[in-house]
Amino acid sequence: MTEPMTVEQLAAIEVRVSSATPGPWTATCRDMDQQSGRHSGLGWEIEGPPEPILRGQFALAEDAQFIAHAREDIPALLAEVDRLRAQLLRCHDKMAAGIFVPSWQDV
């Protein structure tokens, strides 16, 4: 079982979410070869409200922080969802078996 996310971890993610430019954002490859489906070398760009100053640069540090932390934030949030779903299932199973569950810590 994974450890629960702390209040501080969730709060840090919430700050990054609320500080970043609202979406929707999209990933686009401007120089995509339509036949092969591969790009020709310039790579992918983020499109949306956070307009880059130059390719890969953002005017707001909050947008860059949001993108930079996404690789850790999303897996952590998915693990937390999995942990909570498993806990809910255990609670449901105990309740279905007629077992009283006084608190979430007892599941």
Protein backbone atom coordinates (compact mmCIF):
# COMPACT_ATOMS: atom_id res chain seq x y z
CA MET A 1 0.00 0.00 0.00
CA THR A 2 1.30 3.46 -0.83
CA GLU A 3 1.48 6.14 1.82
CA PRO A 4 -1.24 8.81 1.74
CA MET A 5 -0.31 12.12 0.20
CA THR A 6 0.27 14.74 2.84
CA VAL A 7 -1.77 17.89 3.17
CA GLU A 8 1.38 19.82 2.20
CA GLN A 9 1.87 17.78 -1.00
CA LEU A 10 -1.73 18.31 -2.06
CA ALA A 11 -1.55 22.02 -1.17
CA ALA A 12 1.61 22.47 -3.27
CA ILE A 13 -0.11 20.88 -6.28
CA GLU A 14 -3.19 23.06 -5.72
CA VAL A 15 -1.01 26.20 -5.67
CA ARG A 16 0.61 25.17 -8.97
CA VAL A 17 -2.80 24.46 -10.53
CA SER A 18 -4.42 27.69 -9.35
CA SER A 19 -1.36 29.82 -10.24
CA ALA A 20 -0.98 28.51 -13.80
CA THR A 21 -2.85 30.03 -16.72
CA PRO A 22 -6.27 28.38 -17.14
CA GLY A 23 -6.55 25.93 -20.04
CA PRO A 24 -7.27 24.26 -22.19
CA TRP A 25 -3.68 23.71 -23.30
CA THR A 26 -2.74 21.46 -26.20
CA ALA A 27 0.46 19.90 -27.50
CA THR A 28 1.10 20.54 -31.19
CA CYS A 29 3.82 19.64 -33.63
CA ARG A 30 3.85 22.30 -36.34
CA ASP A 31 6.21 20.46 -38.66
CA MET A 32 4.52 17.05 -38.66
CA ASP A 33 4.91 14.96 -41.79
CA GLN A 34 1.32 14.03 -42.63
CA GLN A 35 2.31 10.78 -44.34
CA SER A 36 4.67 9.31 -41.74
CA GLY A 37 3.16 10.96 -38.67
CA ARG A 38 6.63 12.00 -37.51
CA HIS A 39 7.91 15.49 -36.93
CA SER A 40 10.74 16.85 -39.01
CA GLY A 41 12.94 18.06 -36.20
CA LEU A 42 11.53 21.13 -34.45
CA GLY A 43 9.56 19.13 -31.87
CA TRP A 44 6.38 19.74 -29.96
CA GLU A 45 4.94 22.97 -28.55
CA ILE A 46 2.36 23.80 -25.93
CA GLU A 47 -0.49 25.85 -27.35
CA GLY A 48 -3.13 27.66 -25.41
CA PRO A 49 -3.45 30.71 -23.22
CA PRO A 50 0.15 30.58 -21.93
CA GLU A 51 1.87 32.08 -24.93
CA PRO A 52 5.59 31.25 -25.10
CA ILE A 53 8.08 34.08 -25.40
CA LEU A 54 10.29 31.84 -27.50
CA ARG A 55 9.90 28.15 -28.24
CA GLY A 56 9.92 26.37 -24.86
CA GLN A 57 9.87 29.59 -22.80
CA PHE A 58 6.91 31.01 -20.91
CA ALA A 59 6.14 34.51 -19.71
CA LEU A 60 4.85 33.24 -16.36
CA ALA A 61 7.05 31.21 -14.02
CA GLU A 62 3.85 29.61 -12.71
CA ASP A 63 3.12 28.06 -16.12
CA ALA A 64 6.65 26.68 -16.37
CA GLN A 65 6.43 25.31 -12.80
CA PHE A 66 3.09 23.67 -13.57
CA ILE A 67 4.55 21.90 -16.61
CA ALA A 68 7.80 20.99 -14.86
CA HIS A 69 6.00 19.41 -11.89
CA ALA A 70 3.39 17.55 -13.95
CA ARG A 71 5.70 14.53 -14.33
CA GLU A 72 5.71 14.02 -10.54
CA ASP A 73 2.29 15.47 -9.66
CA ILE A 74 0.19 13.32 -11.97
CA PRO A 75 1.69 9.94 -10.95
CA ALA A 76 1.41 10.95 -7.27
CA LEU A 77 -2.23 11.92 -7.72
CA LEU A 78 -2.98 8.68 -9.62
CA ALA A 79 -1.34 6.65 -6.83
CA GLU A 80 -3.47 8.53 -4.30
CA VAL A 81 -6.64 7.76 -6.28
CA ASP A 82 -5.63 4.06 -6.43
CA ARG A 83 -4.95 4.02 -2.68
CA LEU A 84 -8.28 5.65 -1.87
CA ARG A 85 -10.18 3.33 -4.22
CA ALA A 86 -8.59 0.30 -2.57
CA GLN A 87 -9.44 1.68 0.86
CA LEU A 88 -13.03 2.32 -0.22
CA LEU A 89 -13.31 -1.23 -1.61
CA ARG A 90 -12.00 -2.70 1.66
CA CYS A 91 -14.53 -0.62 3.58
CA HIS A 92 -17.34 -1.72 1.25
CA ASP A 93 -16.32 -5.37 1.64
CA LYS A 94 -16.30 -5.10 5.44
CA MET A 95 -19.67 -3.36 5.47
CA ALA A 96 -21.12 -5.99 3.11
CA ALA A 97 -19.87 -8.67 5.53
CA GLY A 98 -21.60 -6.88 8.41
CA ILE A 99 -18.37 -5.66 9.99
CA PHE A 100 -18.59 -2.27 11.69
CA VAL A 101 -15.89 0.13 10.50
CA PRO A 102 -15.48 2.94 13.06
CA SER A 103 -12.95 4.95 11.04
CA TRP A 104 -10.99 4.95 7.76
CA GLN A 105 -7.84 3.99 9.65
CA ASP A 106 -9.46 0.64 10.50
CA VAL A 107 -9.95 -0.31 6.85
